Amino acid sequence: MKAGVKMTRRLSIVSAVVALVGATAVSANAAGQSSGAGPNRFSCRNGAFLCTEVSDPEQIFHQEYVGHDEPSLLFYSKQPGAGNRMQYRGMLPKEPPARAIPGRSYTFMNYIAFWYGMAMCDTQSYPETVKTCTPDSDTNITRPGAAQHAGTAYMELQFYPPGYVQQFNGSSCSATKWCVALTIDSLSLNPVTGKALNSDCQNKILGGEEYVNFAYLTHSGKPQGPPNPVQFDFVKSGKPDLNKALTLNQGDRYTVRMHDTAHGLQTTVMDTTTGESGTMTASASNGFAQVKYAPAKNGGCKAMPYDFHPMYSTTTPHTTVPWAAATYNVAIDTEIGHFDYCDHATSFGGGCSSTEGTGSDREKTDEDDVGCFNGWASTLVRVNGCYGTNTGFDGTSYKVDWPNGDNSMRPTPTIYTSPTTGGNYDKQYSQLAFNVDLPRIEFETCNRQNAQGCTPIPITDDGTLANFYPWYSSGQALGGCAFTIGQHVPGFSTNDYHRNSQYGGILKVKYPALGGGTVYHYNDFQNILPNNPCPQP
């Protein structure tokens, strides 16, 4: 056992992979047909997959849900269109040799996805007080904490690393390649009345109260199966068909373009190394849909075909998602804190029965060791491990196991540029902000009403500071300035932005309150720079 006093963690989430394991035995049925009676195994409430972290789970889910540790880069520009049209460039990491040895790490151990994000219109989503949403318009901006706001969803273009066990089917996209999915998270709740989508519907749909539209990017632009949460098919929609879905090789360079169309946001990833591409448009014709907000007990569960459009014209600190913990619109995010070693899993996708961690950090297992597997926690390399949210802040994300220039033991860096906007994607974003939602997820030590006990390096379940917390650095790549996350990488990093201090001071955020009025939460650390020090070449 490590030094320090073991703290009790009030884990109400279940394993992401426990939820998904049930899907492996499910035939090609919709979520509503496969989830059965009782609590939805595939809900964001139960930590079932990569959902956007909500502002106040005690109000929304009536439990202390902790899902996601998300250090982020936010980009601001008052250029019209900057909130709905942008281009990024990037380079994927190369993994070390696929043989587990002490001290070697892989990308899926550091993070389970990185993504490019954007706020979206969804008139059936929180706060359920405005029946219309004008796409691509700053008329949707309201005063902070106002309940009278257009219904809002959040889009994430998620990149999954080689070997990561996909949450819908218990297998990875590929043992050696990357794949990409378009996801849109919505929240079916009125924060003033406290009324949420009826429980019968929540128990049937992908994501539950925080429902999700999900589709892999495909070569044809057509989804493999229905993306919407009511008709979602765990085999056709959730398991990537490698004959249809875009995959990218380790080390490949790529370009991401996202822009609105007459029938919804179009996302395209072009692999500039191989010449292949994949695309997906969030349109009704592609099967994307809202879930009708029906709070009454027998309100039904109706998918409403819908073209999802970006919400805002510009991107500023005021163009946010009013129900999310993080205060972002246009953003790059890295989803960390979802892997730890386990000596022995109790069952396939179950708990850990012996010890967690590795080397000198090995200790008795505890209650955040869930979603564990013997031998195939990754399809890239044979290893025992758990994918449950690491609320103890002692898993591999919180070690110096990130890229360090030794490519025999670590992956190469994950590289991404700032976005550009404009008709020809040639306009730079004027400001950059660093943001992380640590106060939201440090629920044992951080008082989100007065900011007491909130720390920029999280406190472990042993009562000590985490060994490490990753930060963003920049250097020269892809013909100019680009970012990576982790630690200082010799040969690449030329600006570490003061390392952990880059995330800045704690941020007081205002939200609509139950019964009317507003409520404050300290959900983030945030640091807005006066410029963008690393524009895209």
Protein backbone atom coordinates (compact mmCIF):
# COMPACT_ATOMS: atom_id res chain seq x y z
CA MET A 1 0.00 0.00 0.00
CA LYS A 2 1.25 3.48 -0.80
CA ALA A 3 1.96 6.01 1.92
CA GLY A 4 -1.01 8.01 3.08
CA VAL A 5 -4.48 7.27 4.26
CA LYS A 6 -6.77 5.47 1.86
CA MET A 7 -9.82 7.62 1.17
CA THR A 8 -13.27 6.22 0.54
CA ARG A 9 -14.42 6.79 -3.03
CA ARG A 10 -18.17 7.05 -3.54
CA LEU A 11 -18.26 5.33 -6.89
CA SER A 12 -21.73 5.10 -8.32
CA ILE A 13 -20.59 4.46 -11.85
CA VAL A 14 -20.19 0.97 -13.21
CA SER A 15 -17.58 -0.10 -15.68
CA ALA A 16 -17.77 1.24 -19.18
CA VAL A 17 -16.79 -2.16 -20.35
CA VAL A 18 -19.12 -4.07 -18.05
CA ALA A 19 -21.89 -2.25 -19.89
CA LEU A 20 -20.45 -3.01 -23.27
CA VAL A 21 -19.69 -6.66 -22.56
CA GLY A 22 -23.39 -7.39 -22.52
CA ALA A 23 -23.52 -6.02 -26.05
CA THR A 24 -21.19 -8.72 -27.34
CA ALA A 25 -23.90 -11.30 -26.89
CA VAL A 26 -26.65 -9.12 -28.34
CA SER A 27 -27.85 -9.74 -31.85
CA ALA A 28 -28.41 -6.86 -34.24
CA ASN A 29 -31.14 -5.20 -32.22
CA ALA A 30 -31.78 -1.61 -31.33
CA ALA A 31 -30.65 -0.36 -27.95
CA GLY A 32 -34.21 -0.30 -26.72
CA GLN A 33 -34.59 -3.98 -27.56
CA SER A 34 -31.33 -5.07 -26.03
CA SER A 35 -31.19 -3.10 -22.80
CA GLY A 36 -34.11 -4.88 -21.20
CA ALA A 37 -35.88 -3.76 -18.06
CA GLY A 38 -34.17 -1.86 -15.31
CA PRO A 39 -31.25 0.58 -15.38
CA ASN A 40 -29.71 1.20 -18.77
CA ARG A 41 -26.30 -0.45 -19.00
CA PHE A 42 -25.47 1.84 -21.90
CA SER A 43 -26.16 5.17 -20.20
CA CYS A 44 -23.83 8.08 -19.58
CA ARG A 45 -25.10 7.98 -15.99
CA ASN A 46 -23.43 4.59 -15.63
CA GLY A 47 -20.19 5.66 -17.28
CA ALA A 48 -20.95 3.51 -20.30
CA PHE A 49 -18.83 5.44 -22.81
CA LEU A 50 -17.21 8.74 -23.71
CA CYS A 51 -19.96 11.19 -22.75
CA THR A 52 -19.58 14.92 -22.23
CA GLU A 53 -19.05 15.67 -18.51
CA VAL A 54 -22.13 17.41 -17.09
CA SER A 55 -22.02 20.45 -14.82
CA ASP A 56 -23.86 18.99 -11.83
CA PRO A 57 -24.46 15.22 -11.73
CA GLU A 58 -26.09 15.43 -8.32
CA GLN A 59 -28.91 17.47 -9.85
CA ILE A 60 -28.95 15.77 -13.24
CA PHE A 61 -28.32 12.12 -12.37
CA HIS A 62 -29.09 12.25 -8.63
CA GLN A 63 -25.71 10.69 -7.94
CA GLU A 64 -22.02 11.62 -7.88
CA TYR A 65 -21.11 10.62 -11.42
CA VAL A 66 -17.49 11.09 -12.42
CA GLY A 67 -16.76 10.26 -16.00
CA HIS A 68 -14.01 12.18 -17.64
CA ASP A 69 -10.70 13.89 -16.99
CA GLU A 70 -10.37 16.24 -19.95
CA PRO A 71 -7.41 18.61 -20.34
CA SER A 72 -8.31 20.79 -23.31
CA LEU A 73 -7.21 23.50 -25.71
CA LEU A 74 -9.91 26.10 -26.48
CA PHE A 75 -9.78 28.40 -29.50
CA TYR A 76 -11.42 31.80 -29.84
CA SER A 77 -12.10 34.04 -32.83
CA LYS A 78 -14.65 36.76 -33.58
CA GLN A 79 -14.34 35.97 -37.29
CA PRO A 80 -17.85 35.05 -38.56
CA GLY A 81 -17.91 31.31 -39.19
CA ALA A 82 -15.17 30.49 -36.69
CA GLY A 83 -17.74 28.68 -34.55
CA ASN A 84 -18.88 26.36 -37.33
CA ARG A 85 -16.19 26.04 -40.00
CA MET A 86 -12.62 24.95 -39.31
CA GLN A 87 -9.66 22.86 -40.38
CA TYR A 88 -7.08 21.03 -38.26
CA ARG A 89 -4.00 19.09 -39.23
CA GLY A 90 -2.40 16.32 -37.23
CA MET A 91 -0.05 13.37 -37.06
CA LEU A 92 -0.87 10.15 -35.23
CA PRO A 93 1.64 8.53 -32.88
CA LYS A 94 3.60 5.37 -33.58
CA GLU A 95 3.47 2.72 -30.88
CA PRO A 96 6.54 0.98 -29.40
CA PRO A 97 7.00 -2.74 -30.15
CA ALA A 98 3.87 -4.71 -29.27
CA ARG A 99 5.36 -6.65 -26.40
CA ALA A 100 4.53 -5.74 -22.82
CA ILE A 101 7.62 -5.27 -20.67
CA PRO A 102 8.06 -3.33 -17.41
CA GLY A 103 8.21 0.39 -18.04
CA ARG A 104 6.78 0.34 -21.56
CA SER A 105 3.56 2.24 -22.29
CA TYR A 106 1.13 2.63 -25.18
CA THR A 107 -1.23 5.38 -26.27
CA PHE A 108 -4.39 3.57 -25.07
CA MET A 109 -2.89 3.57 -21.56
CA ASN A 110 -2.38 7.34 -21.59
CA TYR A 111 -5.75 8.26 -23.15
CA ILE A 112 -8.65 6.40 -24.73
CA ALA A 113 -9.53 9.13 -27.25
CA PHE A 114 -8.73 12.61 -28.36
CA TRP A 115 -11.33 14.70 -30.09
CA TYR A 116 -12.21 17.92 -31.90
CA GLY A 117 -15.38 19.55 -30.56
CA MET A 118 -18.13 22.07 -31.36
CA ALA A 119 -21.44 23.24 -29.82
CA MET A 120 -24.58 22.20 -31.74
CA CYS A 121 -28.28 23.03 -31.91
CA ASP A 122 -30.72 20.48 -30.44
CA THR A 123 -34.14 21.91 -29.65
CA GLN A 124 -35.05 18.79 -27.63
CA SER A 125 -32.00 19.17 -25.37
CA TYR A 126 -31.29 21.14 -22.17
CA PRO A 127 -32.60 23.59 -21.07
CA GLU A 128 -35.90 22.79 -22.86
CA THR A 129 -37.05 26.42 -22.57
CA VAL A 130 -36.63 27.70 -26.16
CA LYS A 131 -38.29 25.83 -29.02
CA THR A 132 -36.04 27.15 -31.79
CA CYS A 133 -32.31 27.36 -32.47
CA THR A 134 -30.94 29.49 -35.29
CA PRO A 135 -27.94 27.58 -36.71
CA ASP A 136 -24.53 29.24 -37.02
CA SER A 137 -25.72 32.32 -35.15
CA ASP A 138 -24.51 34.30 -32.17
CA THR A 139 -28.12 35.17 -31.42
CA ASN A 140 -27.95 31.98 -29.35
CA ILE A 141 -25.58 33.67 -26.88
CA THR A 142 -27.32 34.58 -23.61
CA ARG A 143 -26.17 35.96 -20.29
CA PRO A 144 -24.32 33.34 -18.19
CA GLY A 145 -26.64 31.05 -16.26
CA ALA A 146 -29.77 32.07 -18.15
CA ALA A 147 -32.38 29.33 -18.43
CA GLN A 148 -33.76 30.96 -21.59
CA HIS A 149 -31.21 29.45 -23.96
CA ALA A 150 -31.59 27.45 -27.15
CA GLY A 151 -31.33 23.70 -26.67
CA THR A 152 -27.71 22.66 -26.96
CA ALA A 153 -25.77 19.50 -27.80
CA TYR A 154 -22.03 18.93 -28.08
CA MET A 155 -20.25 17.31 -31.01
CA GLU A 156 -17.02 15.37 -30.58
CA LEU A 157 -15.05 13.97 -33.52
CA GLN A 158 -13.34 11.18 -31.58
CA PHE A 159 -10.10 9.44 -32.60
CA TYR A 160 -9.58 5.98 -31.02
CA PRO A 161 -6.06 4.55 -30.60
CA PRO A 162 -4.88 1.10 -31.70
CA GLY A 163 -5.85 -1.66 -29.31
CA TYR A 164 -8.35 0.38 -27.30
CA VAL A 165 -11.28 -1.88 -26.42
CA GLN A 166 -14.30 -0.21 -28.00
CA GLN A 167 -17.14 0.24 -25.61
CA PHE A 168 -19.99 -0.99 -27.81
CA ASN A 169 -18.77 -4.48 -28.54
CA GLY A 170 -15.78 -5.48 -26.42
CA SER A 171 -13.33 -5.41 -29.34
CA SER A 172 -11.05 -2.71 -30.68
CA CYS A 173 -11.48 -0.85 -33.91
CA SER A 174 -8.15 -2.35 -34.92
CA ALA A 175 -5.18 -3.85 -33.11
CA THR A 176 -2.80 -1.62 -35.05
CA LYS A 177 -4.82 1.23 -36.62
CA TRP A 178 -6.88 4.25 -35.60
CA CYS A 179 -10.55 4.89 -36.37
CA VAL A 180 -12.76 7.96 -36.06
CA ALA A 181 -16.38 8.50 -34.97
CA LEU A 182 -18.75 11.46 -35.01
CA THR A 183 -20.62 11.68 -31.70
CA ILE A 184 -23.23 14.22 -30.55
CA ASP A 185 -24.24 14.35 -26.87
CA SER A 186 -27.55 15.89 -25.79
CA LEU A 187 -29.16 16.22 -22.36
CA SER A 188 -32.89 15.65 -21.95
CA LEU A 189 -33.56 17.79 -18.85
CA ASN A 190 -35.20 21.05 -17.86
CA PRO A 191 -32.98 22.50 -15.12
CA VAL A 192 -35.67 24.84 -13.77
CA THR A 193 -38.43 22.24 -13.30
CA GLY A 194 -36.02 19.38 -12.70
CA LYS A 195 -38.02 17.21 -15.09
CA ALA A 196 -36.04 14.79 -17.25
CA LEU A 197 -36.89 12.41 -20.07
CA ASN A 198 -39.17 9.67 -18.76
CA SER A 199 -37.32 6.75 -17.19
CA ASP A 200 -38.78 4.14 -19.53
CA CYS A 201 -37.19 5.92 -22.48
CA GLN A 202 -33.95 6.56 -20.61
CA ASN A 203 -33.67 2.81 -19.99
CA LYS A 204 -33.96 2.03 -23.69
CA ILE A 205 -31.72 4.47 -25.50
CA LEU A 206 -28.01 4.89 -26.06
CA GLY A 207 -26.77 7.26 -23.38
CA GLY A 208 -30.00 7.45 -21.40
CA GLU A 209 -30.83 10.94 -20.13
CA GLU A 210 -27.62 12.21 -21.78
CA TYR A 211 -28.32 10.57 -25.11
CA VAL A 212 -25.80 10.10 -27.91
CA ASN A 213 -25.87 9.99 -31.70
CA PHE A 214 -22.89 7.91 -32.85
CA ALA A 215 -21.48 7.05 -36.30
CA TYR A 216 -18.07 5.98 -37.55
CA LEU A 217 -16.69 8.00 -40.44
CA THR A 218 -16.99 5.90 -43.58
CA HIS A 219 -15.53 6.08 -47.06
CA SER A 220 -19.00 6.50 -48.56
CA GLY A 221 -20.30 8.98 -46.00
CA LYS A 222 -23.17 6.62 -45.16
CA PRO A 223 -23.40 5.25 -41.61
CA GLN A 224 -22.98 1.53 -41.02
CA GLY A 225 -26.23 1.45 -39.04
CA PRO A 226 -28.66 3.89 -37.40
CA PRO A 227 -26.67 6.53 -35.47
CA ASN A 228 -29.58 7.80 -33.35
CA PRO A 229 -29.95 6.59 -29.76
CA VAL A 230 -33.42 5.06 -30.16
CA GLN A 231 -32.61 2.85 -33.15
CA PHE A 232 -28.90 2.35 -32.47
CA ASP A 233 -27.73 -1.17 -33.36
CA PHE A 234 -24.82 -2.45 -31.28
CA VAL A 235 -23.52 -4.65 -34.09
CA LYS A 236 -24.29 -2.68 -37.26
CA SER A 237 -23.81 0.79 -35.78
CA GLY A 238 -21.37 0.12 -32.94
CA LYS A 239 -18.85 -2.33 -34.36
CA PRO A 240 -16.63 -0.79 -37.04
CA ASP A 241 -16.84 -2.53 -40.41
CA LEU A 242 -13.27 -2.20 -41.65
CA ASN A 243 -14.48 -2.49 -45.24
CA LYS A 244 -16.55 0.67 -44.76
CA ALA A 245 -15.04 2.69 -41.91
CA LEU A 246 -12.00 4.91 -42.29
CA THR A 247 -8.90 3.62 -40.52
CA LEU A 248 -5.55 5.38 -40.27
CA ASN A 249 -2.10 3.90 -39.79
CA GLN A 250 0.20 4.76 -36.93
CA GLY A 251 2.28 7.79 -37.86
CA ASP A 252 -0.08 8.93 -40.63
CA ARG A 253 -0.66 12.62 -41.25
CA TYR A 254 -4.22 13.82 -41.69
CA THR A 255 -6.43 16.86 -42.19
CA VAL A 256 -9.79 17.39 -40.48
CA ARG A 257 -12.40 19.69 -42.02
CA MET A 258 -15.73 20.50 -40.41
CA HIS A 259 -18.37 22.80 -41.86
CA ASP A 260 -22.12 23.21 -41.94
CA THR A 261 -24.26 22.12 -44.89
CA ALA A 262 -27.93 22.54 -45.74
CA HIS A 263 -28.60 19.26 -43.92
CA GLY A 264 -26.23 19.32 -40.99
CA LEU A 265 -22.61 19.42 -39.95
CA GLN A 266 -20.22 17.55 -42.24
CA THR A 267 -16.99 16.16 -40.81
CA THR A 268 -14.23 14.86 -43.07
CA VAL A 269 -10.88 13.28 -42.23
CA MET A 270 -8.37 13.06 -45.08
CA ASP A 271 -5.39 10.76 -44.52
CA THR A 272 -2.76 12.74 -46.39
CA THR A 273 -0.26 9.87 -46.05
CA THR A 274 -2.38 7.20 -47.78
CA GLY A 275 -4.83 9.37 -49.72
CA GLU A 276 -7.86 7.71 -48.10
CA SER A 277 -10.67 9.69 -46.52
CA GLY A 278 -13.80 9.26 -44.46
CA THR A 279 -16.75 11.53 -43.89
CA MET A 280 -20.05 11.78 -42.03
CA THR A 281 -22.86 14.36 -42.13
CA ALA A 282 -25.09 14.68 -39.06
CA SER A 283 -28.28 14.64 -41.14
CA ALA A 284 -31.75 13.18 -40.81
CA SER A 285 -31.18 11.31 -44.06
CA ASN A 286 -28.20 9.59 -42.43
CA GLY A 287 -30.35 8.51 -39.49
CA PHE A 288 -29.38 11.18 -36.96
CA ALA A 289 -32.25 12.16 -34.68
CA GLN A 290 -33.30 13.99 -31.54
CA VAL A 291 -35.14 12.19 -28.78
CA LYS A 292 -38.44 13.91 -28.09
CA TYR A 293 -38.37 15.54 -24.68
CA ALA A 294 -41.18 13.66 -22.93
CA PRO A 295 -40.93 13.89 -19.13
CA ALA A 296 -44.32 12.36 -18.38
CA LYS A 297 -44.17 8.83 -16.96
CA ASN A 298 -45.83 7.33 -20.04
CA GLY A 299 -44.39 9.88 -22.44
CA GLY A 300 -43.02 7.35 -24.90
CA CYS A 301 -39.68 7.23 -26.65
CA LYS A 302 -39.68 8.89 -30.03
CA ALA A 303 -36.77 9.51 -32.39
CA MET A 304 -37.30 12.73 -34.33
CA PRO A 305 -35.18 12.81 -37.53
CA TYR A 306 -32.99 15.88 -37.31
CA ASP A 307 -30.24 17.76 -39.10
CA PHE A 308 -27.73 18.76 -36.42
CA HIS A 309 -26.26 22.18 -37.21
CA PRO A 310 -23.53 24.12 -35.37
CA MET A 311 -24.95 26.57 -32.85
CA TYR A 312 -22.71 29.64 -33.03
CA SER A 313 -21.11 31.90 -35.62
CA THR A 314 -18.05 32.87 -33.57
CA THR A 315 -16.20 31.23 -30.71
CA THR A 316 -15.59 33.20 -27.51
CA PRO A 317 -15.83 32.54 -23.76
CA HIS A 318 -19.58 33.20 -24.18
CA THR A 319 -20.25 30.50 -26.81
CA THR A 320 -20.55 27.56 -24.44
CA VAL A 321 -22.70 24.51 -23.76
CA PRO A 322 -24.93 25.56 -20.82
CA TRP A 323 -25.05 22.08 -19.26
CA ALA A 324 -21.42 20.99 -19.65
CA ALA A 325 -18.78 21.10 -16.93
CA ALA A 326 -16.15 22.52 -19.29
CA THR A 327 -16.72 25.96 -20.78
CA TYR A 328 -15.88 25.14 -24.37
CA ASN A 329 -17.10 25.43 -27.93
CA VAL A 330 -14.29 24.95 -30.48
CA ALA A 331 -11.81 22.71 -28.68
CA ILE A 332 -9.25 19.92 -28.76
CA ASP A 333 -9.65 17.54 -25.85
CA THR A 334 -7.71 14.53 -24.57
CA GLU A 335 -9.71 11.91 -22.62
CA ILE A 336 -7.36 10.62 -19.92
CA GLY A 337 -7.77 8.58 -16.73
CA HIS A 338 -9.26 5.34 -18.03
CA PHE A 339 -6.60 2.66 -17.61
CA ASP A 340 -4.81 0.93 -14.77
CA TYR A 341 -3.04 -2.39 -14.46
CA CYS A 342 -4.75 -5.27 -12.65
CA ASP A 343 -3.11 -8.54 -11.63
CA HIS A 344 -6.31 -10.55 -12.02
CA ALA A 345 -9.83 -9.69 -13.16
CA THR A 346 -12.69 -11.31 -11.26
CA SER A 347 -14.53 -11.94 -14.52
CA PHE A 348 -14.64 -10.83 -18.12
CA GLY A 349 -15.18 -7.08 -17.81
CA GLY A 350 -15.55 -7.35 -14.03
CA GLY A 351 -13.61 -6.06 -11.07
CA CYS A 352 -10.03 -6.63 -9.97
CA SER A 353 -9.52 -9.27 -7.29
CA SER A 354 -5.90 -8.76 -6.28
CA THR A 355 -3.63 -5.75 -6.86
CA GLU A 356 -3.67 -2.72 -9.13
CA GLY A 357 -0.80 -0.73 -10.61
CA THR A 358 2.66 -1.89 -11.51
CA GLY A 359 6.19 -1.80 -10.18
CA SER A 360 6.71 0.18 -6.99
CA ASP A 361 3.20 1.61 -7.35
CA ARG A 362 1.43 -1.73 -6.96
CA GLU A 363 -1.16 -1.80 -4.18
CA LYS A 364 -4.32 -3.58 -3.10
CA THR A 365 -7.20 -3.19 -5.53
CA ASP A 366 -9.96 -0.69 -4.72
CA GLU A 367 -13.38 0.30 -6.00
CA ASP A 368 -12.31 2.25 -9.08
CA ASP A 369 -10.87 -0.96 -10.56
CA VAL A 370 -13.77 -1.95 -12.80
CA GLY A 371 -14.12 -3.04 -16.39
CA CYS A 372 -11.12 -5.35 -15.99
CA PHE A 373 -9.79 -8.02 -18.35
CA ASN A 374 -7.25 -10.81 -18.13
CA GLY A 375 -4.90 -10.80 -21.10
CA TRP A 376 -6.86 -8.71 -23.58
CA ALA A 377 -7.39 -5.29 -22.05
CA SER A 378 -5.91 -4.31 -25.40
CA THR A 379 -5.83 -6.06 -28.78
CA LEU A 380 -2.49 -4.37 -29.51
CA VAL A 381 -0.53 -5.95 -26.67
CA ARG A 382 -1.42 -8.70 -24.22
CA VAL A 383 -1.91 -7.06 -20.84
CA ASN A 384 -4.22 -7.29 -17.80
CA GLY A 385 -5.97 -4.04 -16.96
CA CYS A 386 -9.10 -2.05 -16.15
CA TYR A 387 -10.89 0.69 -18.13
CA GLY A 388 -13.09 2.13 -15.39
CA THR A 389 -12.73 5.83 -14.63
CA ASN A 390 -9.61 6.14 -12.48
CA THR A 391 -11.08 8.29 -9.71
CA GLY A 392 -8.08 7.42 -7.55
CA PHE A 393 -5.83 9.36 -9.96
CA ASP A 394 -3.19 6.64 -9.78
CA GLY A 395 -3.53 4.89 -13.15
CA THR A 396 -1.20 5.14 -16.12
CA SER A 397 -2.45 8.59 -17.18
CA TYR A 398 -1.01 9.94 -13.93
CA LYS A 399 2.51 8.54 -14.40
CA VAL A 400 5.43 9.81 -16.47
CA ASP A 401 4.58 7.10 -19.03
CA TRP A 402 3.82 9.65 -21.76
CA PRO A 403 6.01 10.11 -24.87
CA ASN A 404 9.54 11.13 -23.90
CA GLY A 405 11.58 10.64 -27.07
CA ASP A 406 12.46 7.00 -26.32
CA ASN A 407 10.38 5.33 -29.01
CA SER A 408 11.38 1.82 -27.95
CA MET A 409 9.50 2.36 -24.65
CA ARG A 410 6.95 5.09 -25.41
CA PRO A 411 4.72 6.11 -28.32
CA THR A 412 5.76 9.06 -30.41
CA PRO A 413 3.85 12.29 -29.60
CA THR A 414 0.26 12.88 -30.69
CA ILE A 415 0.49 16.01 -32.85
CA TYR A 416 -2.31 18.46 -33.67
CA THR A 417 -2.41 22.06 -34.88
CA SER A 418 -4.58 25.01 -33.99
CA PRO A 419 -7.63 25.31 -36.26
CA THR A 420 -8.03 27.72 -39.14
CA THR A 421 -11.33 29.07 -40.41
CA GLY A 422 -12.70 31.10 -43.35
CA GLY A 423 -13.91 30.13 -46.79
CA ASN A 424 -10.47 28.77 -47.73
CA TYR A 425 -9.51 27.72 -44.18
CA ASP A 426 -6.83 30.41 -44.20
CA LYS A 427 -7.90 32.56 -41.22
CA GLN A 428 -6.19 32.02 -37.87
CA TYR A 429 -7.91 31.90 -34.48
CA SER A 430 -6.81 34.89 -32.44
CA GLN A 431 -6.75 33.42 -28.92
CA LEU A 432 -5.98 30.19 -27.11
CA ALA A 433 -7.15 29.01 -23.69
CA PHE A 434 -6.05 26.05 -21.57
CA ASN A 435 -8.89 24.37 -19.70
CA VAL A 436 -9.29 21.30 -17.50
CA ASP A 437 -12.33 20.06 -15.56
CA LEU A 438 -10.38 18.77 -12.54
CA PRO A 439 -12.53 20.61 -9.94
CA ARG A 440 -15.60 18.82 -11.34
CA ILE A 441 -14.05 15.38 -10.91
CA GLU A 442 -12.02 15.88 -7.71
CA PHE A 443 -15.24 15.21 -5.85
CA GLU A 444 -13.63 13.81 -2.68
CA THR A 445 -11.36 16.79 -2.06
CA CYS A 446 -12.72 19.80 -3.96
CA ASN A 447 -15.65 21.86 -2.68
CA ARG A 448 -17.20 23.23 -5.87
CA GLN A 449 -19.19 25.85 -3.96
CA ASN A 450 -16.20 27.63 -2.39
CA ALA A 451 -13.18 26.19 -4.29
CA GLN A 452 -11.59 24.85 -1.11
CA GLY A 453 -9.40 21.78 -1.66
CA CYS A 454 -9.36 22.09 -5.47
CA THR A 455 -5.87 21.39 -6.80
CA PRO A 456 -4.34 21.63 -10.31
CA ILE A 457 -2.60 18.32 -9.68
CA PRO A 458 -5.25 15.89 -8.37
CA ILE A 459 -5.04 14.16 -5.00
CA THR A 460 -4.99 10.37 -5.14
CA ASP A 461 -7.14 8.02 -3.11
CA ASP A 462 -4.12 7.68 -0.79
CA GLY A 463 -4.34 11.37 0.09
CA THR A 464 -1.18 12.40 -1.76
CA LEU A 465 -0.70 14.40 -4.95
CA ALA A 466 -0.72 12.34 -8.14
CA ASN A 467 2.71 11.36 -9.39
CA PHE A 468 2.13 13.36 -12.58
CA TYR A 469 -0.48 15.31 -14.51
CA PRO A 470 -0.09 15.89 -18.28
CA TRP A 471 0.18 19.32 -19.86
CA TYR A 472 0.32 20.71 -23.40
CA SER A 473 3.54 21.75 -25.12
CA SER A 474 4.27 22.95 -28.63
CA GLY A 475 7.09 22.60 -31.10
CA GLN A 476 7.83 22.35 -34.80
CA ALA A 477 5.94 19.74 -36.81
CA LEU A 478 3.80 19.55 -39.96
CA GLY A 479 5.67 22.50 -41.40
CA GLY A 480 5.13 24.88 -38.50
CA CYS A 481 3.91 25.12 -34.91
CA ALA A 482 1.88 22.26 -33.42
CA PHE A 483 0.82 20.89 -30.02
CA THR A 484 1.16 17.65 -28.11
CA ILE A 485 0.07 16.54 -24.64
CA GLY A 486 2.01 14.71 -21.94
CA GLN A 487 5.42 15.77 -20.74
CA HIS A 488 8.33 17.65 -22.28
CA VAL A 489 9.38 15.70 -25.38
CA PRO A 490 13.06 16.15 -26.28
CA GLY A 491 13.43 16.96 -29.94
CA PHE A 492 9.91 18.39 -30.18
CA SER A 493 8.82 20.54 -27.22
CA THR A 494 10.07 24.12 -27.35
CA ASN A 495 7.33 25.73 -25.22
CA ASP A 496 5.83 23.98 -22.18
CA TYR A 497 3.57 26.95 -21.25
CA HIS A 498 4.63 26.70 -17.58
CA ARG A 499 3.61 23.04 -17.48
CA ASN A 500 0.81 22.40 -14.94
CA SER A 501 0.48 26.12 -14.27
CA GLN A 502 -0.76 26.54 -17.85
CA TYR A 503 -4.29 25.60 -16.75
CA GLY A 504 -4.53 28.82 -14.75
CA GLY A 505 -6.83 29.70 -11.87
CA ILE A 506 -10.07 28.12 -10.79
CA LEU A 507 -13.11 29.29 -12.75
CA LYS A 508 -16.48 30.16 -11.22
CA VAL A 509 -19.22 29.15 -13.68
CA LYS A 510 -22.88 30.12 -13.51
CA TYR A 511 -25.70 27.68 -14.38
CA PRO A 512 -29.54 27.72 -14.26
CA ALA A 513 -30.83 26.67 -10.84
CA LEU A 514 -33.66 24.33 -9.91
CA GLY A 515 -36.78 26.42 -9.40
CA GLY A 516 -35.31 29.47 -11.17
CA GLY A 517 -32.39 31.79 -10.63
CA THR A 518 -28.77 30.71 -10.95
CA VAL A 519 -26.22 28.60 -9.15
CA TYR A 520 -22.43 28.73 -9.22
CA HIS A 521 -19.98 25.84 -9.46
CA TYR A 522 -16.21 25.80 -9.59
CA ASN A 523 -15.90 23.22 -12.36
CA ASP A 524 -12.71 24.16 -14.22
CA PHE A 525 -9.26 25.62 -14.17
CA GLN A 526 -8.91 27.98 -17.12
CA ASN A 527 -6.26 30.29 -18.54
CA ILE A 528 -7.13 32.51 -21.53
CA LEU A 529 -4.05 33.82 -23.31
CA PRO A 530 -4.12 37.22 -25.05
CA ASN A 531 -3.13 35.59 -28.33
CA ASN A 532 -2.69 32.24 -30.07
CA PRO A 533 1.02 31.49 -29.62
CA CYS A 534 0.93 28.50 -31.96
CA PRO A 535 -1.05 29.31 -35.14
CA GLN A 536 -1.46 26.67 -37.83
CA PRO A 537 1.19 26.90 -40.56
